[in-house]
Amino acid sequence: MPRFTLFRLAAACSLALTLSLVLAAGASAKGFQAELRVVGSGSKVLAEKPVATATTSVKTSPKAECFGKGSGGSGDPVTIMGNTALGLLARASKSTPALSPLSISDSFDFGLALCGIGQSVAKGSSSWYLKVNHKSLSVGGDVAKIHPGDEVLYALATTEAPDYKYPEELVLAGPNGSVQPGVPFPVRVLSYDEKGKSKPQAGVKVSGAGAPTGADGRTMVTLAKPARLIATAAGEIPSAREPVCVSGKCPK
């Protein structure tokens, strides 16, 4: 191959690599969307929506002492990267009243500690349980990297002796497509443990269902109009709301 052709080929490859890096940097700067769900005190759903990531500044709180007396924050603002689980929460708190204020401490070497989201505050044996795509993490939310389309869950959960395990997360699978009014249709509930392993969950109540789920995690639901179904069970994290369309009309 002629030498000038090799030079042109090398130049073209170099230009392509440069363009790809520029595009990647631009995409990173613009951020991306991930799904955020926050379940607070009394299993109340505080937020459940897609959030656009962005680096956010949050003021720490001297009252954030859920890890013990004297463990509160400095009161200084901290910057939280947008591509982290805590960054997603911080971004959402700016526009969602139920998530504000965030009670965060910066007194620990390992990173930021989350004590409160809105009126839901960790105390006693309760703490904020973080899962990404149904799996718990071994790092704090301020360093837990997330990616486009990830599902981020913060749930105020209680761990009790002797095993001190977190409750399992319920996931509700609804019908494919629209259903007919007054005609029963099947739904299924799975529970996910800390490792993200799922299994059918019996004894779960599903809105619109005449009976709890059976051993296979299934039950029948009948609707007269569009609705968002939710699966609940004592001691477990409730499912996300599952929209179901009736006669082609979907819930707002």
Protein backbone atom coordinates (compact mmCIF):
# COMPACT_ATOMS: atom_id res chain seq x y z
CA MET A 1 0.00 0.00 0.00
CA PRO A 2 1.42 3.46 -0.87
CA ARG A 3 2.82 5.35 2.03
CA PHE A 4 0.55 8.38 1.62
CA THR A 5 -2.47 6.09 1.83
CA LEU A 6 -1.26 4.77 5.18
CA PHE A 7 -0.89 8.33 6.42
CA ARG A 8 -4.43 9.19 5.28
CA LEU A 9 -5.79 6.05 6.95
CA ALA A 10 -4.04 6.89 10.21
CA ALA A 11 -5.31 10.47 10.05
CA ALA A 12 -8.87 9.28 9.43
CA CYS A 13 -8.73 6.88 12.40
CA SER A 14 -7.34 9.60 14.63
CA LEU A 15 -10.10 12.00 13.56
CA ALA A 16 -12.79 9.35 14.19
CA LEU A 17 -11.40 8.66 17.68
CA THR A 18 -11.31 12.38 18.47
CA LEU A 19 -14.90 12.85 17.31
CA SER A 20 -16.10 9.88 19.38
CA LEU A 21 -14.41 11.26 22.50
CA VAL A 22 -15.94 14.69 21.92
CA LEU A 23 -19.39 13.20 21.43
CA ALA A 24 -19.03 11.05 24.55
CA ALA A 25 -17.91 14.06 26.57
CA GLY A 26 -20.86 16.06 25.25
CA ALA A 27 -23.29 13.31 26.17
CA SER A 28 -21.81 13.07 29.66
CA ALA A 29 -22.06 16.86 30.09
CA LYS A 30 -25.74 16.84 29.07
CA GLY A 31 -26.52 14.03 31.50
CA PHE A 32 -29.11 11.32 31.03
CA GLN A 33 -32.34 10.02 32.51
CA ALA A 34 -32.72 7.34 35.18
CA GLU A 35 -35.76 6.14 37.12
CA LEU A 36 -36.00 7.24 40.76
CA ARG A 37 -38.35 5.76 43.34
CA VAL A 38 -38.38 6.88 46.97
CA VAL A 39 -40.40 5.09 49.67
CA GLY A 40 -40.50 6.89 52.99
CA SER A 41 -42.04 6.42 56.44
CA GLY A 42 -45.03 4.11 56.57
CA SER A 43 -44.19 2.80 53.08
CA LYS A 44 -45.43 6.08 51.61
CA VAL A 45 -44.27 6.65 48.05
CA LEU A 46 -42.56 10.06 47.96
CA ALA A 47 -41.47 9.98 44.33
CA GLU A 48 -41.65 7.68 41.35
CA LYS A 49 -40.51 9.22 38.10
CA PRO A 50 -37.72 9.60 35.54
CA VAL A 51 -35.13 12.22 36.52
CA ALA A 52 -32.55 13.94 34.35
CA THR A 53 -29.11 13.75 35.98
CA ALA A 54 -27.05 16.83 36.75
CA THR A 55 -24.32 17.68 39.25
CA THR A 56 -26.05 19.32 42.22
CA SER A 57 -25.04 21.26 45.31
CA VAL A 58 -26.73 20.38 48.62
CA LYS A 59 -26.24 21.93 52.03
CA THR A 60 -25.29 19.47 54.76
CA SER A 61 -27.17 19.52 58.07
CA PRO A 62 -25.82 19.57 61.64
CA LYS A 63 -29.09 17.82 62.61
CA ALA A 64 -28.28 14.79 60.45
CA GLU A 65 -27.36 12.64 63.48
CA CYS A 66 -29.02 9.34 62.59
CA PHE A 67 -25.65 7.61 63.01
CA GLY A 68 -25.25 8.86 66.58
CA LYS A 69 -24.89 12.02 68.59
CA GLY A 70 -22.21 14.30 67.15
CA SER A 71 -22.39 12.74 63.68
CA GLY A 72 -24.25 15.66 62.12
CA GLY A 73 -22.98 17.58 59.13
CA SER A 74 -20.88 20.72 59.05
CA GLY A 75 -23.60 22.86 57.52
CA ASP A 76 -21.43 23.52 54.48
CA PRO A 77 -22.67 22.82 50.94
CA VAL A 78 -21.34 19.76 49.12
CA THR A 79 -21.30 19.00 45.41
CA ILE A 80 -22.77 15.63 44.38
CA MET A 81 -22.00 14.21 40.96
CA GLY A 82 -24.99 13.74 38.72
CA ASN A 83 -24.06 10.22 37.58
CA THR A 84 -24.48 8.81 41.10
CA ALA A 85 -27.53 7.51 42.95
CA LEU A 86 -27.37 10.30 45.53
CA GLY A 87 -26.85 12.82 42.75
CA LEU A 88 -30.08 11.65 41.12
CA LEU A 89 -31.91 12.05 44.44
CA ALA A 90 -30.39 15.50 45.04
CA ARG A 91 -31.42 16.63 41.57
CA ALA A 92 -34.99 15.41 42.08
CA SER A 93 -35.22 17.12 45.48
CA LYS A 94 -34.89 20.50 43.78
CA SER A 95 -38.23 20.09 42.00
CA THR A 96 -40.13 17.59 44.18
CA PRO A 97 -41.40 19.07 47.48
CA ALA A 98 -41.86 15.64 49.12
CA LEU A 99 -38.11 15.02 48.78
CA SER A 100 -37.01 18.27 50.37
CA PRO A 101 -35.08 18.91 52.46
CA LEU A 102 -32.38 16.29 52.26
CA SER A 103 -30.70 15.68 55.62
CA ILE A 104 -27.07 14.81 54.85
CA SER A 105 -23.93 14.56 56.99
CA ASP A 106 -20.39 15.10 55.73
CA SER A 107 -18.70 14.09 58.98
CA PHE A 108 -17.53 10.65 57.81
CA ASP A 109 -14.37 9.72 55.90
CA PHE A 110 -16.19 7.13 53.80
CA GLY A 111 -18.44 9.75 52.20
CA LEU A 112 -21.80 11.40 52.64
CA ALA A 113 -24.40 9.90 54.97
CA LEU A 114 -28.12 10.23 54.23
CA CYS A 115 -30.40 10.63 57.24
CA GLY A 116 -33.57 12.22 55.94
CA ILE A 117 -35.60 12.75 52.79
CA GLY A 118 -38.35 15.29 53.31
CA GLN A 119 -40.30 14.39 56.44
CA SER A 120 -39.01 10.80 56.47
CA VAL A 121 -35.98 10.55 58.76
CA ALA A 122 -33.95 7.49 59.74
CA LYS A 123 -33.82 6.76 63.45
CA GLY A 124 -33.40 3.79 65.74
CA SER A 125 -33.11 0.61 63.68
CA SER A 126 -34.27 2.27 60.45
CA SER A 127 -31.96 3.48 57.68
CA TRP A 128 -32.10 4.39 54.02
CA TYR A 129 -31.80 1.29 51.88
CA LEU A 130 -30.35 1.89 48.41
CA LYS A 131 -30.86 -0.46 45.47
CA VAL A 132 -29.98 -0.01 41.80
CA ASN A 133 -31.74 -2.31 39.35
CA HIS A 134 -33.06 -4.34 42.31
CA LYS A 135 -29.59 -4.95 43.81
CA SER A 136 -28.25 -3.45 47.02
CA LEU A 137 -24.89 -1.71 46.95
CA SER A 138 -21.79 -1.95 49.12
CA VAL A 139 -20.93 1.74 48.60
CA GLY A 140 -22.62 4.99 49.53
CA GLY A 141 -25.02 6.75 47.21
CA ASP A 142 -22.57 9.58 46.51
CA VAL A 143 -20.14 7.16 44.82
CA ALA A 144 -22.66 4.62 43.44
CA LYS A 145 -22.40 5.17 39.68
CA ILE A 146 -25.58 4.92 37.64
CA HIS A 147 -26.26 4.69 33.90
CA PRO A 148 -29.04 5.70 31.51
CA GLY A 149 -32.28 3.87 32.26
CA ASP A 150 -31.16 2.51 35.64
CA GLU A 151 -33.81 2.04 38.34
CA VAL A 152 -32.74 3.69 41.60
CA LEU A 153 -34.65 2.91 44.80
CA TYR A 154 -34.30 4.63 48.17
CA ALA A 155 -36.48 3.05 50.85
CA LEU A 156 -36.62 3.87 54.56
CA ALA A 157 -36.38 0.36 55.98
CA THR A 158 -36.02 -1.27 59.38
CA THR A 159 -33.70 -4.16 60.15
CA GLU A 160 -34.40 -6.28 63.18
CA ALA A 161 -32.47 -8.90 65.18
CA PRO A 162 -31.35 -11.58 64.80
CA ASP A 163 -30.56 -11.49 61.07
CA TYR A 164 -30.78 -7.70 60.49
CA LYS A 165 -31.86 -8.26 56.90
CA TYR A 166 -33.48 -5.56 54.85
CA PRO A 167 -37.03 -6.17 53.60
CA GLU A 168 -37.49 -7.49 50.10
CA GLU A 169 -38.57 -5.32 47.19
CA LEU A 170 -41.83 -6.21 45.45
CA VAL A 171 -42.10 -5.96 41.66
CA LEU A 172 -45.48 -6.16 39.95
CA ALA A 173 -45.83 -7.40 36.36
CA GLY A 174 -49.09 -6.33 34.70
CA PRO A 175 -50.80 -7.34 31.46
CA ASN A 176 -49.34 -6.80 28.01
CA GLY A 177 -51.57 -4.27 26.32
CA SER A 178 -55.04 -2.99 27.15
CA VAL A 179 -57.66 -5.01 29.07
CA GLN A 180 -61.45 -5.01 28.90
CA PRO A 181 -63.63 -3.52 31.65
CA GLY A 182 -65.03 -6.11 34.04
CA VAL A 183 -62.92 -8.93 32.56
CA PRO A 184 -60.40 -10.49 35.01
CA PHE A 185 -56.74 -10.54 33.95
CA PRO A 186 -53.65 -12.07 35.60
CA VAL A 187 -50.81 -10.21 37.30
CA ARG A 188 -47.71 -11.57 38.98
CA VAL A 189 -45.61 -10.37 41.91
CA LEU A 190 -41.93 -11.17 42.43
CA SER A 191 -39.80 -10.25 45.44
CA TYR A 192 -36.15 -9.27 45.08
CA ASP A 193 -33.61 -9.79 47.86
CA GLU A 194 -30.48 -7.76 48.54
CA LYS A 195 -28.52 -9.60 45.83
CA GLY A 196 -31.19 -8.98 43.22
CA LYS A 197 -32.39 -12.58 43.21
CA SER A 198 -36.12 -12.87 42.53
CA LYS A 199 -38.80 -15.37 43.48
CA PRO A 200 -42.62 -15.52 43.29
CA GLN A 201 -44.15 -13.89 46.34
CA ALA A 202 -47.28 -15.32 47.97
CA GLY A 203 -49.73 -13.44 50.18
CA VAL A 204 -49.31 -10.07 48.45
CA LYS A 205 -52.22 -7.69 48.09
CA VAL A 206 -52.63 -6.12 44.65
CA SER A 207 -55.01 -3.21 44.16
CA GLY A 208 -58.04 -4.37 42.20
CA ALA A 209 -57.47 -8.05 43.01
CA GLY A 210 -60.08 -10.16 44.77
CA ALA A 211 -57.51 -12.30 46.58
CA PRO A 212 -53.81 -12.16 47.57
CA THR A 213 -51.21 -13.76 45.34
CA GLY A 214 -50.77 -17.53 45.49
CA ALA A 215 -47.61 -19.59 45.77
CA ASP A 216 -46.78 -18.76 42.14
CA GLY A 217 -47.04 -15.03 42.85
CA ARG A 218 -50.15 -14.71 40.66
CA THR A 219 -53.62 -13.32 41.22
CA MET A 220 -56.50 -11.98 39.11
CA VAL A 221 -57.45 -8.32 38.85
CA THR A 222 -60.66 -6.78 37.54
CA LEU A 223 -60.90 -3.10 36.57
CA ALA A 224 -63.72 -0.87 35.39
CA LYS A 225 -61.45 2.00 34.38
CA PRO A 226 -57.72 2.70 33.84
CA ALA A 227 -55.65 2.43 37.01
CA ARG A 228 -52.15 2.21 38.42
CA LEU A 229 -51.82 -1.01 40.38
CA ILE A 230 -49.56 -1.49 43.36
CA ALA A 231 -48.48 -4.60 45.26
CA THR A 232 -48.10 -4.42 49.05
CA ALA A 233 -47.22 -6.85 51.84
CA ALA A 234 -46.47 -6.29 55.51
CA GLY A 235 -42.79 -5.72 56.12
CA GLU A 236 -41.85 -5.53 52.44
CA ILE A 237 -41.08 -2.60 50.12
CA PRO A 238 -44.16 -1.90 47.98
CA SER A 239 -43.94 -2.24 44.22
CA ALA A 240 -43.81 0.60 41.75
CA ARG A 241 -47.20 1.59 40.38
CA GLU A 242 -48.03 -0.43 37.27
CA PRO A 243 -50.22 1.44 34.76
CA VAL A 244 -53.01 -0.63 33.19
CA CYS A 245 -55.03 0.60 30.22
CA VAL A 246 -58.74 -0.29 29.90
CA SER A 247 -60.43 -0.27 26.49
CA GLY A 248 -57.49 1.57 25.06
CA LYS A 249 -57.62 4.37 27.65
CA CYS A 250 -54.60 4.68 29.94
CA PRO A 251 -54.19 6.28 33.39
CA LYS A 252 -52.89 9.84 33.40
